[in-house]
N, C-alpha and C. Protein backbone atom coordinates (compact mmCIF):
# COMPACT_ATOMS: atom_id res chain seq x y z
N MET A 1 0.84 -1.17 0.00
CA MET A 1 0.00 0.00 0.00
C MET A 1 0.89 1.25 0.00
N ASN A 2 0.50 2.20 -0.80
CA ASN A 2 1.22 3.47 -0.84
C ASN A 2 0.57 4.45 0.13
N GLU A 3 1.40 5.22 0.82
CA GLU A 3 0.89 6.20 1.77
C GLU A 3 1.00 7.59 1.16
N ARG A 4 -0.02 8.42 1.40
CA ARG A 4 0.03 9.82 1.03
C ARG A 4 -0.93 10.55 1.97
N ALA A 5 -0.81 11.86 2.03
CA ALA A 5 -1.65 12.64 2.94
C ALA A 5 -3.06 12.78 2.38
N SER A 6 -4.04 12.67 3.25
CA SER A 6 -5.43 12.90 2.87
C SER A 6 -5.71 14.40 2.94
N PRO A 7 -6.88 14.84 2.51
CA PRO A 7 -7.20 16.28 2.56
C PRO A 7 -7.09 16.86 3.97
N ASN A 8 -7.28 16.05 5.01
CA ASN A 8 -7.16 16.58 6.37
C ASN A 8 -5.73 16.46 6.91
N GLY A 9 -4.79 16.08 6.07
CA GLY A 9 -3.38 16.03 6.45
C GLY A 9 -2.94 14.73 7.08
N LYS A 10 -3.86 13.85 7.40
CA LYS A 10 -3.50 12.57 8.01
C LYS A 10 -3.09 11.59 6.92
N PRO A 11 -2.15 10.70 7.24
CA PRO A 11 -1.74 9.71 6.22
C PRO A 11 -2.87 8.75 5.89
N ARG A 12 -2.93 8.33 4.67
CA ARG A 12 -3.89 7.30 4.26
C ARG A 12 -3.19 6.36 3.30
N SER A 13 -3.78 5.20 3.14
CA SER A 13 -3.19 4.23 2.23
C SER A 13 -4.12 4.02 1.06
N LYS A 14 -3.58 3.53 -0.03
CA LYS A 14 -4.36 3.23 -1.22
C LYS A 14 -3.74 2.00 -1.89
N PRO A 15 -4.54 1.27 -2.64
CA PRO A 15 -3.97 0.12 -3.36
C PRO A 15 -2.95 0.57 -4.39
N SER A 16 -2.01 -0.27 -4.69
CA SER A 16 -1.03 0.07 -5.73
C SER A 16 -1.50 -0.36 -7.12
N TYR A 17 -2.48 -1.26 -7.21
CA TYR A 17 -3.06 -1.65 -8.49
C TYR A 17 -4.29 -2.49 -8.25
N MET A 18 -5.11 -2.67 -9.29
CA MET A 18 -6.27 -3.56 -9.20
C MET A 18 -5.80 -4.96 -9.55
N ALA A 19 -6.01 -5.90 -8.65
CA ALA A 19 -5.46 -7.24 -8.83
C ALA A 19 -6.33 -8.15 -9.71
N HIS A 20 -7.63 -8.21 -9.42
CA HIS A 20 -8.49 -9.12 -10.19
C HIS A 20 -9.96 -8.78 -9.94
N PHE A 21 -10.82 -9.39 -10.72
CA PHE A 21 -12.25 -9.34 -10.46
C PHE A 21 -12.80 -10.74 -10.60
N VAL A 22 -13.98 -10.96 -9.98
CA VAL A 22 -14.57 -12.29 -9.91
C VAL A 22 -15.99 -12.23 -10.50
N VAL A 23 -16.31 -13.21 -11.32
CA VAL A 23 -17.63 -13.33 -11.93
C VAL A 23 -18.29 -14.59 -11.40
N ARG A 24 -19.52 -14.44 -10.87
CA ARG A 24 -20.36 -15.59 -10.50
C ARG A 24 -21.28 -15.84 -11.68
N THR A 25 -21.43 -17.10 -12.07
CA THR A 25 -22.23 -17.37 -13.26
C THR A 25 -22.90 -18.74 -13.20
N ALA A 26 -24.04 -18.83 -13.86
CA ALA A 26 -24.69 -20.11 -14.10
C ALA A 26 -24.29 -20.64 -15.48
N LYS A 27 -23.57 -19.82 -16.23
CA LYS A 27 -23.12 -20.18 -17.59
C LYS A 27 -21.59 -20.35 -17.57
N PHE A 28 -21.13 -21.28 -16.78
CA PHE A 28 -19.70 -21.41 -16.49
C PHE A 28 -18.85 -21.61 -17.74
N GLU A 29 -19.13 -22.63 -18.53
CA GLU A 29 -18.29 -22.93 -19.70
C GLU A 29 -18.31 -21.79 -20.71
N GLU A 30 -19.50 -21.24 -20.97
CA GLU A 30 -19.64 -20.14 -21.93
C GLU A 30 -18.87 -18.90 -21.43
N THR A 31 -19.01 -18.61 -20.16
CA THR A 31 -18.33 -17.45 -19.57
C THR A 31 -16.82 -17.65 -19.57
N LEU A 32 -16.37 -18.83 -19.19
CA LEU A 32 -14.94 -19.14 -19.20
C LEU A 32 -14.36 -18.97 -20.60
N GLY A 33 -15.05 -19.49 -21.61
CA GLY A 33 -14.58 -19.35 -22.99
C GLY A 33 -14.54 -17.90 -23.44
N TRP A 34 -15.56 -17.11 -23.05
CA TRP A 34 -15.62 -15.71 -23.45
C TRP A 34 -14.44 -14.94 -22.88
N TYR A 35 -14.16 -15.11 -21.59
CA TYR A 35 -13.05 -14.37 -20.97
C TYR A 35 -11.69 -14.85 -21.50
N ARG A 36 -11.57 -16.13 -21.81
CA ARG A 36 -10.33 -16.61 -22.43
C ARG A 36 -10.11 -15.87 -23.75
N ARG A 37 -11.17 -15.80 -24.58
CA ARG A 37 -11.04 -15.14 -25.88
C ARG A 37 -10.88 -13.63 -25.73
N PHE A 38 -11.69 -13.02 -24.87
CA PHE A 38 -11.66 -11.56 -24.75
C PHE A 38 -10.28 -11.06 -24.36
N PHE A 39 -9.68 -11.65 -23.35
CA PHE A 39 -8.39 -11.20 -22.86
C PHE A 39 -7.21 -11.98 -23.46
N ASP A 40 -7.50 -12.92 -24.36
CA ASP A 40 -6.46 -13.80 -24.86
C ASP A 40 -5.72 -14.38 -23.65
N ALA A 41 -6.53 -14.81 -22.67
CA ALA A 41 -6.03 -15.22 -21.36
C ALA A 41 -5.65 -16.69 -21.33
N GLU A 42 -4.79 -17.00 -20.39
CA GLU A 42 -4.41 -18.39 -20.17
C GLU A 42 -4.99 -18.88 -18.85
N ASP A 43 -5.27 -20.15 -18.81
CA ASP A 43 -5.78 -20.77 -17.58
C ASP A 43 -4.66 -20.87 -16.56
N VAL A 44 -4.97 -20.49 -15.33
CA VAL A 44 -4.08 -20.71 -14.21
C VAL A 44 -4.54 -21.95 -13.46
N PHE A 45 -5.87 -22.05 -13.31
CA PHE A 45 -6.49 -23.19 -12.65
C PHE A 45 -7.92 -23.28 -13.14
N VAL A 46 -8.38 -24.50 -13.45
CA VAL A 46 -9.78 -24.71 -13.85
C VAL A 46 -10.27 -26.01 -13.23
N SER A 47 -11.42 -25.93 -12.56
CA SER A 47 -12.12 -27.11 -12.07
C SER A 47 -13.58 -26.96 -12.45
N GLU A 48 -14.41 -27.86 -12.00
CA GLU A 48 -15.85 -27.76 -12.30
C GLU A 48 -16.49 -26.59 -11.54
N GLN A 49 -15.88 -26.15 -10.45
CA GLN A 49 -16.45 -25.09 -9.62
C GLN A 49 -15.84 -23.72 -9.83
N LEU A 50 -14.60 -23.66 -10.31
CA LEU A 50 -13.86 -22.41 -10.25
C LEU A 50 -12.78 -22.36 -11.33
N ALA A 51 -12.55 -21.16 -11.83
CA ALA A 51 -11.45 -20.98 -12.79
C ALA A 51 -10.71 -19.69 -12.47
N PHE A 52 -9.40 -19.70 -12.67
CA PHE A 52 -8.57 -18.51 -12.56
C PHE A 52 -7.86 -18.32 -13.89
N LEU A 53 -7.89 -17.09 -14.40
CA LEU A 53 -7.25 -16.75 -15.67
C LEU A 53 -6.32 -15.56 -15.48
N THR A 54 -5.32 -15.46 -16.35
CA THR A 54 -4.46 -14.28 -16.35
C THR A 54 -4.14 -13.91 -17.79
N PHE A 55 -3.80 -12.62 -17.98
CA PHE A 55 -3.39 -12.15 -19.29
C PHE A 55 -2.05 -11.43 -19.22
N ASP A 56 -1.40 -11.49 -18.06
CA ASP A 56 -0.09 -10.85 -17.88
C ASP A 56 0.68 -11.60 -16.80
N ASP A 57 1.59 -10.93 -16.13
CA ASP A 57 2.43 -11.59 -15.12
C ASP A 57 1.75 -11.76 -13.77
N GLU A 58 0.56 -11.18 -13.60
CA GLU A 58 -0.17 -11.36 -12.34
C GLU A 58 -0.63 -12.82 -12.24
N HIS A 59 -0.63 -13.39 -11.04
CA HIS A 59 -0.99 -14.80 -10.88
C HIS A 59 -2.42 -15.09 -11.33
N HIS A 60 -3.34 -14.14 -11.16
CA HIS A 60 -4.66 -14.24 -11.80
C HIS A 60 -5.29 -12.86 -11.87
N ARG A 61 -6.01 -12.61 -12.94
CA ARG A 61 -6.71 -11.35 -13.14
C ARG A 61 -8.23 -11.53 -13.10
N ILE A 62 -8.67 -12.72 -13.42
CA ILE A 62 -10.10 -13.01 -13.47
C ILE A 62 -10.34 -14.34 -12.78
N ALA A 63 -11.37 -14.39 -11.96
CA ALA A 63 -11.83 -15.65 -11.39
C ALA A 63 -13.28 -15.83 -11.80
N ILE A 64 -13.65 -17.05 -12.09
CA ILE A 64 -15.03 -17.35 -12.50
C ILE A 64 -15.53 -18.48 -11.60
N ILE A 65 -16.65 -18.20 -10.95
CA ILE A 65 -17.25 -19.17 -10.02
C ILE A 65 -18.48 -19.78 -10.67
N ASN A 66 -18.55 -21.09 -10.69
CA ASN A 66 -19.68 -21.81 -11.26
C ASN A 66 -20.76 -21.97 -10.20
N ASN A 67 -21.93 -21.39 -10.46
CA ASN A 67 -23.08 -21.54 -9.58
C ASN A 67 -24.32 -21.72 -10.45
N PRO A 68 -24.67 -22.96 -10.81
CA PRO A 68 -25.78 -23.22 -11.74
C PRO A 68 -27.14 -22.73 -11.27
N ASP A 69 -27.28 -22.40 -9.98
CA ASP A 69 -28.57 -21.99 -9.45
C ASP A 69 -28.81 -20.48 -9.51
N LEU A 70 -27.87 -19.73 -10.06
CA LEU A 70 -28.03 -18.28 -10.12
C LEU A 70 -29.13 -17.87 -11.09
N LYS A 71 -29.80 -16.77 -10.77
CA LYS A 71 -30.79 -16.17 -11.68
C LYS A 71 -30.06 -15.37 -12.74
N GLU A 72 -30.75 -15.06 -13.83
CA GLU A 72 -30.18 -14.24 -14.89
C GLU A 72 -29.92 -12.83 -14.38
N PHE A 73 -28.86 -12.21 -14.87
CA PHE A 73 -28.53 -10.83 -14.56
C PHE A 73 -29.55 -9.91 -15.23
N THR A 74 -29.95 -8.88 -14.52
CA THR A 74 -30.82 -7.86 -15.11
C THR A 74 -30.26 -6.48 -14.81
N GLU A 75 -30.58 -5.52 -15.64
CA GLU A 75 -30.08 -4.15 -15.48
C GLU A 75 -30.83 -3.39 -14.38
N ASP A 76 -31.88 -3.97 -13.81
CA ASP A 76 -32.67 -3.24 -12.83
C ASP A 76 -32.32 -3.60 -11.38
N ILE A 77 -31.10 -4.09 -11.17
CA ILE A 77 -30.64 -4.36 -9.81
C ILE A 77 -29.36 -3.55 -9.56
N ALA A 78 -29.12 -3.20 -8.32
CA ALA A 78 -27.91 -2.45 -7.98
C ALA A 78 -26.70 -3.36 -8.09
N GLY A 79 -25.58 -2.80 -8.50
CA GLY A 79 -24.35 -3.57 -8.60
C GLY A 79 -23.32 -2.81 -9.39
N VAL A 80 -22.19 -3.40 -9.62
CA VAL A 80 -21.13 -2.80 -10.42
C VAL A 80 -21.61 -2.77 -11.87
N ASP A 81 -21.50 -1.61 -12.52
CA ASP A 81 -21.98 -1.48 -13.90
C ASP A 81 -21.00 -2.10 -14.90
N HIS A 82 -19.72 -1.83 -14.72
CA HIS A 82 -18.72 -2.40 -15.63
C HIS A 82 -17.34 -2.33 -15.00
N VAL A 83 -16.41 -3.05 -15.61
CA VAL A 83 -15.01 -3.03 -15.23
C VAL A 83 -14.25 -2.54 -16.45
N ALA A 84 -13.32 -1.60 -16.26
CA ALA A 84 -12.59 -1.00 -17.38
C ALA A 84 -11.10 -1.33 -17.32
N PHE A 85 -10.52 -1.51 -18.50
CA PHE A 85 -9.11 -1.80 -18.63
C PHE A 85 -8.50 -0.81 -19.62
N GLY A 86 -7.39 -0.20 -19.23
CA GLY A 86 -6.71 0.76 -20.09
C GLY A 86 -5.75 0.07 -21.04
N MET A 87 -5.78 0.52 -22.26
CA MET A 87 -4.84 0.05 -23.28
C MET A 87 -3.70 1.07 -23.36
N ALA A 88 -2.54 0.64 -23.80
CA ALA A 88 -1.36 1.51 -23.83
C ALA A 88 -1.55 2.70 -24.78
N ASP A 89 -2.19 2.45 -25.92
CA ASP A 89 -2.35 3.52 -26.91
C ASP A 89 -3.46 3.13 -27.88
N LEU A 90 -3.76 4.03 -28.81
CA LEU A 90 -4.84 3.79 -29.76
C LEU A 90 -4.56 2.57 -30.64
N GLU A 91 -3.32 2.36 -31.00
CA GLU A 91 -2.96 1.19 -31.81
C GLU A 91 -3.36 -0.11 -31.10
N ASP A 92 -3.12 -0.19 -29.79
CA ASP A 92 -3.50 -1.38 -29.03
C ASP A 92 -5.02 -1.52 -28.93
N LEU A 93 -5.73 -0.40 -28.76
CA LEU A 93 -7.19 -0.44 -28.70
C LEU A 93 -7.76 -0.97 -30.01
N ILE A 94 -7.25 -0.47 -31.12
CA ILE A 94 -7.74 -0.92 -32.43
C ILE A 94 -7.36 -2.37 -32.67
N ALA A 95 -6.16 -2.77 -32.31
CA ALA A 95 -5.75 -4.18 -32.46
C ALA A 95 -6.67 -5.09 -31.65
N ALA A 96 -7.02 -4.68 -30.43
CA ALA A 96 -7.94 -5.48 -29.61
C ALA A 96 -9.32 -5.53 -30.26
N TYR A 97 -9.81 -4.40 -30.74
CA TYR A 97 -11.11 -4.36 -31.42
C TYR A 97 -11.12 -5.33 -32.59
N GLU A 98 -10.10 -5.28 -33.42
CA GLU A 98 -10.05 -6.12 -34.62
C GLU A 98 -9.90 -7.60 -34.25
N ARG A 99 -9.10 -7.91 -33.24
CA ARG A 99 -8.95 -9.30 -32.80
C ARG A 99 -10.28 -9.83 -32.28
N LEU A 100 -10.94 -9.05 -31.43
CA LEU A 100 -12.22 -9.48 -30.86
C LEU A 100 -13.29 -9.60 -31.93
N LYS A 101 -13.34 -8.67 -32.86
CA LYS A 101 -14.32 -8.75 -33.95
C LYS A 101 -14.11 -10.04 -34.74
N GLY A 102 -12.86 -10.40 -34.98
CA GLY A 102 -12.54 -11.64 -35.67
C GLY A 102 -13.02 -12.88 -34.93
N LEU A 103 -13.20 -12.75 -33.63
CA LEU A 103 -13.70 -13.85 -32.80
C LEU A 103 -15.22 -13.79 -32.61
N GLY A 104 -15.84 -12.81 -33.27
CA GLY A 104 -17.29 -12.65 -33.14
C GLY A 104 -17.72 -11.89 -31.89
N ILE A 105 -16.80 -11.20 -31.26
CA ILE A 105 -17.10 -10.40 -30.07
C ILE A 105 -17.09 -8.93 -30.49
N GLU A 106 -18.26 -8.31 -30.50
CA GLU A 106 -18.39 -6.92 -30.98
C GLU A 106 -18.76 -6.00 -29.82
N PRO A 107 -18.30 -4.76 -29.87
CA PRO A 107 -18.65 -3.82 -28.81
C PRO A 107 -20.14 -3.50 -28.84
N ILE A 108 -20.70 -3.30 -27.65
CA ILE A 108 -22.11 -2.91 -27.55
C ILE A 108 -22.26 -1.41 -27.41
N PHE A 109 -21.17 -0.71 -27.06
CA PHE A 109 -21.25 0.71 -26.77
C PHE A 109 -19.89 1.35 -27.05
N PRO A 110 -19.63 1.81 -28.29
CA PRO A 110 -18.38 2.52 -28.57
C PRO A 110 -18.61 4.02 -28.34
N ILE A 111 -17.84 4.60 -27.44
CA ILE A 111 -18.08 6.01 -27.10
C ILE A 111 -16.78 6.72 -26.77
N ASN A 112 -16.70 7.96 -27.23
CA ASN A 112 -15.61 8.83 -26.84
C ASN A 112 -16.15 9.67 -25.69
N HIS A 113 -15.69 9.39 -24.48
CA HIS A 113 -16.18 10.07 -23.29
C HIS A 113 -15.61 11.49 -23.16
N GLY A 114 -14.57 11.78 -23.89
CA GLY A 114 -13.83 13.03 -23.72
C GLY A 114 -12.45 12.71 -23.19
N PRO A 115 -12.35 12.25 -21.93
CA PRO A 115 -11.04 11.86 -21.42
C PRO A 115 -10.55 10.51 -21.95
N THR A 116 -11.49 9.67 -22.42
CA THR A 116 -11.12 8.37 -22.97
C THR A 116 -11.92 8.06 -24.23
N THR A 117 -11.35 7.21 -25.06
CA THR A 117 -12.07 6.58 -26.16
C THR A 117 -12.26 5.13 -25.73
N SER A 118 -13.53 4.69 -25.68
CA SER A 118 -13.86 3.45 -24.99
C SER A 118 -14.72 2.52 -25.83
N LEU A 119 -14.47 1.23 -25.69
CA LEU A 119 -15.30 0.19 -26.28
C LEU A 119 -15.82 -0.68 -25.15
N TYR A 120 -17.15 -0.78 -25.05
CA TYR A 120 -17.79 -1.61 -24.03
C TYR A 120 -18.29 -2.90 -24.68
N TYR A 121 -18.07 -4.00 -23.99
CA TYR A 121 -18.50 -5.32 -24.44
C TYR A 121 -19.36 -5.94 -23.34
N ALA A 122 -20.19 -6.92 -23.69
CA ALA A 122 -20.99 -7.64 -22.70
C ALA A 122 -20.61 -9.11 -22.72
N ASP A 123 -20.31 -9.66 -21.55
CA ASP A 123 -20.00 -11.08 -21.46
C ASP A 123 -21.31 -11.88 -21.54
N PRO A 124 -21.28 -13.21 -21.54
CA PRO A 124 -22.50 -14.01 -21.67
C PRO A 124 -23.53 -13.78 -20.57
N ASN A 125 -23.12 -13.16 -19.47
CA ASN A 125 -24.02 -12.88 -18.35
C ASN A 125 -24.60 -11.47 -18.40
N GLY A 126 -24.12 -10.66 -19.35
CA GLY A 126 -24.53 -9.26 -19.42
C GLY A 126 -23.63 -8.33 -18.65
N ILE A 127 -22.55 -8.84 -18.07
CA ILE A 127 -21.57 -8.00 -17.38
C ILE A 127 -20.77 -7.25 -18.43
N LYS A 128 -20.65 -5.93 -18.23
CA LYS A 128 -19.94 -5.11 -19.21
C LYS A 128 -18.45 -5.01 -18.86
N VAL A 129 -17.62 -5.12 -19.90
CA VAL A 129 -16.18 -4.96 -19.77
C VAL A 129 -15.78 -3.88 -20.77
N GLU A 130 -15.07 -2.87 -20.30
CA GLU A 130 -14.64 -1.75 -21.13
C GLU A 130 -13.15 -1.84 -21.37
N ILE A 131 -12.75 -1.57 -22.61
CA ILE A 131 -11.34 -1.31 -22.91
C ILE A 131 -11.27 0.12 -23.40
N GLN A 132 -10.26 0.84 -22.97
CA GLN A 132 -10.20 2.27 -23.25
C GLN A 132 -8.77 2.73 -23.47
N VAL A 133 -8.66 3.89 -24.08
CA VAL A 133 -7.37 4.56 -24.22
C VAL A 133 -7.58 6.01 -23.78
N ASP A 134 -6.61 6.55 -23.05
CA ASP A 134 -6.67 7.95 -22.67
C ASP A 134 -6.55 8.82 -23.91
N ASN A 135 -7.33 9.90 -23.92
CA ASN A 135 -7.29 10.83 -25.05
C ASN A 135 -6.19 11.85 -24.82
N SER A 136 -5.02 11.51 -25.30
CA SER A 136 -3.84 12.35 -25.11
C SER A 136 -3.92 13.65 -25.87
N SER A 137 -4.93 13.80 -26.75
CA SER A 137 -5.05 15.02 -27.53
C SER A 137 -5.52 16.21 -26.70
N LEU A 138 -5.97 15.97 -25.48
CA LEU A 138 -6.43 17.06 -24.63
C LEU A 138 -5.22 17.86 -24.14
N PRO A 139 -5.27 19.18 -24.27
CA PRO A 139 -4.10 20.01 -23.96
C PRO A 139 -3.53 19.83 -22.56
N ASP A 140 -4.40 19.69 -21.55
CA ASP A 140 -3.91 19.54 -20.18
C ASP A 140 -4.10 18.13 -19.66
N GLY A 141 -4.22 17.16 -20.55
CA GLY A 141 -4.37 15.78 -20.16
C GLY A 141 -5.82 15.38 -19.95
N PRO A 142 -6.09 14.07 -19.93
CA PRO A 142 -7.46 13.57 -19.82
C PRO A 142 -8.22 14.04 -18.59
N ALA A 143 -7.57 14.13 -17.44
CA ALA A 143 -8.28 14.51 -16.21
C ALA A 143 -8.82 15.93 -16.29
N SER A 144 -8.18 16.80 -17.07
CA SER A 144 -8.64 18.19 -17.18
C SER A 144 -10.02 18.28 -17.81
N TYR A 145 -10.41 17.28 -18.58
CA TYR A 145 -11.70 17.32 -19.27
C TYR A 145 -12.86 17.39 -18.29
N PHE A 146 -12.72 16.79 -17.12
CA PHE A 146 -13.80 16.78 -16.13
C PHE A 146 -14.13 18.18 -15.63
N LYS A 147 -13.22 19.13 -15.80
CA LYS A 147 -13.43 20.50 -15.36
C LYS A 147 -13.88 21.41 -16.50
N SER A 148 -14.10 20.83 -17.68
CA SER A 148 -14.44 21.64 -18.85
C SER A 148 -15.95 21.84 -18.99
N GLN A 149 -16.31 22.87 -19.74
CA GLN A 149 -17.73 23.11 -20.05
C GLN A 149 -18.26 21.99 -20.95
N ASP A 150 -17.41 21.45 -21.83
CA ASP A 150 -17.84 20.33 -22.69
C ASP A 150 -18.32 19.16 -21.84
N PHE A 151 -17.59 18.85 -20.77
CA PHE A 151 -18.00 17.76 -19.89
C PHE A 151 -19.30 18.10 -19.16
N ALA A 152 -19.40 19.33 -18.68
CA ALA A 152 -20.62 19.75 -17.98
C ALA A 152 -21.83 19.64 -18.91
N ASP A 153 -21.64 19.95 -20.19
CA ASP A 153 -22.73 19.89 -21.16
C ASP A 153 -23.07 18.46 -21.57
N ASN A 154 -22.06 17.57 -21.58
CA ASN A 154 -22.27 16.19 -22.03
C ASN A 154 -21.32 15.27 -21.26
N PRO A 155 -21.70 14.84 -20.04
CA PRO A 155 -20.80 14.00 -19.23
C PRO A 155 -20.69 12.55 -19.71
N ILE A 156 -21.51 12.14 -20.66
CA ILE A 156 -21.45 10.77 -21.16
C ILE A 156 -20.49 10.66 -22.34
N GLY A 157 -20.63 11.51 -23.34
CA GLY A 157 -19.74 11.49 -24.48
C GLY A 157 -20.47 11.36 -25.80
N VAL A 158 -19.70 11.02 -26.83
CA VAL A 158 -20.19 10.95 -28.20
C VAL A 158 -19.93 9.55 -28.76
N MET A 159 -20.98 8.92 -29.23
CA MET A 159 -20.85 7.60 -29.86
C MET A 159 -19.97 7.71 -31.11
N PHE A 160 -19.28 6.63 -31.45
CA PHE A 160 -18.49 6.60 -32.67
C PHE A 160 -18.59 5.23 -33.30
N ASP A 161 -18.16 5.15 -34.53
CA ASP A 161 -18.15 3.90 -35.29
C ASP A 161 -16.74 3.31 -35.22
N PRO A 162 -16.55 2.19 -34.54
CA PRO A 162 -15.19 1.63 -34.43
C PRO A 162 -14.59 1.23 -35.77
N GLU A 163 -15.43 0.89 -36.73
CA GLU A 163 -14.91 0.57 -38.08
C GLU A 163 -14.30 1.80 -38.72
N VAL A 164 -14.96 2.95 -38.55
CA VAL A 164 -14.43 4.21 -39.10
C VAL A 164 -13.13 4.56 -38.39
N LEU A 165 -13.10 4.41 -37.07
CA LEU A 165 -11.88 4.67 -36.30
C LEU A 165 -10.73 3.80 -36.81
N ALA A 166 -10.97 2.51 -36.97
CA ALA A 166 -9.91 1.60 -37.43
C ALA A 166 -9.46 1.95 -38.84
N ARG A 167 -10.42 2.22 -39.72
CA ARG A 167 -10.05 2.56 -41.10
C ARG A 167 -9.20 3.83 -41.16
N LYS A 168 -9.64 4.87 -40.44
CA LYS A 168 -8.89 6.12 -40.45
C LYS A 168 -7.50 5.94 -39.83
N PHE A 169 -7.42 5.13 -38.79
CA PHE A 169 -6.12 4.85 -38.17
C PHE A 169 -5.19 4.18 -39.17
N HIS A 170 -5.69 3.15 -39.85
CA HIS A 170 -4.87 2.43 -40.83
C HIS A 170 -4.54 3.29 -42.04
N ASP A 171 -5.37 4.30 -42.31
CA ASP A 171 -5.11 5.24 -43.41
C ASP A 171 -4.08 6.30 -43.02
N GLY A 172 -3.67 6.31 -41.76
CA GLY A 172 -2.62 7.22 -41.33
C GLY A 172 -3.10 8.56 -40.78
N VAL A 173 -4.40 8.67 -40.48
CA VAL A 173 -4.90 9.91 -39.88
C VAL A 173 -4.22 10.10 -38.51
N ASP A 174 -3.86 11.33 -38.20
CA ASP A 174 -3.17 11.65 -36.95
C ASP A 174 -3.95 11.14 -35.73
N VAL A 175 -3.26 10.46 -34.84
CA VAL A 175 -3.88 9.87 -33.65
C VAL A 175 -4.59 10.94 -32.81
N ASN A 176 -3.96 12.11 -32.64
CA ASN A 176 -4.60 13.16 -31.85
C ASN A 176 -5.91 13.61 -32.46
N GLU A 177 -6.00 13.58 -33.77
CA GLU A 177 -7.27 13.92 -34.44
C GLU A 177 -8.30 12.83 -34.18
N LEU A 178 -7.88 11.58 -34.25
CA LEU A 178 -8.82 10.45 -34.05
C LEU A 178 -9.36 10.39 -32.63
N LEU A 179 -8.61 10.89 -31.67
CA LEU A 179 -9.03 10.85 -30.27
C LEU A 179 -9.98 11.99 -29.90
N LYS A 180 -10.22 12.92 -30.83
CA LYS A 180 -11.15 14.01 -30.57
C LYS A 180 -12.58 13.51 -30.71
N GLN A 181 -13.47 13.98 -29.84
CA GLN A 181 -14.88 13.61 -29.95
C GLN A 181 -15.42 14.00 -31.31
N GLY A 182 -16.17 13.08 -31.91
CA GLY A 182 -16.83 13.34 -33.18
C GLY A 182 -15.99 13.08 -34.41
N SER A 183 -14.71 12.77 -34.25
CA SER A 183 -13.85 12.59 -35.42
C SER A 183 -14.11 11.29 -36.17
N THR A 184 -14.75 10.33 -35.53
CA THR A 184 -15.04 9.04 -36.19
C THR A 184 -16.51 8.68 -36.07
N ALA A 185 -17.36 9.68 -35.98
CA ALA A 185 -18.79 9.42 -35.82
C ALA A 185 -19.46 9.08 -37.14
N ASP A 186 -18.86 9.48 -38.26
CA ASP A 186 -19.49 9.21 -39.55
C ASP A 186 -18.55 8.47 -40.48
N ALA A 187 -19.14 7.87 -41.49
CA ALA A 187 -18.34 7.15 -42.49
C ALA A 187 -17.81 8.14 -43.46
């Protein structure tokens, strides 16, 4: 844990990184396959009750618990809305989009939030997973966008077409231009 001063001057601790998340599901095999494909993950441990997966040097990033008696997920219950993962740059975001599309996994919600360009996906249970890239084109960095009038006017963002984004990227359009809201909204 890293220590730093809180607003009242007292020391506080914070996590150094997000280690993993856990999915409970009645669709164990389907969910396990989806997360393997989505993250290009490798199995750390798999049994009939539980699976651990990783996509990097962490011992596990995703755990999946098999519970056949669970009810279907619905959007009208309280809970975590989605989990987001940052990509290193726009090239990695587009490569992930194209790899996932090739596997039949398509985004349900492509949006430029202002501080990020994001692709949201839904797993077999309806749990949303976001991959995003920081919009480095903002003059004072992505966090500055939250203090802007543009954010106050539209805190959700602008939908875009990921196919247009990928095509323009491969055509050599400047990355800073592509990361601007509205730059890939039309064909």
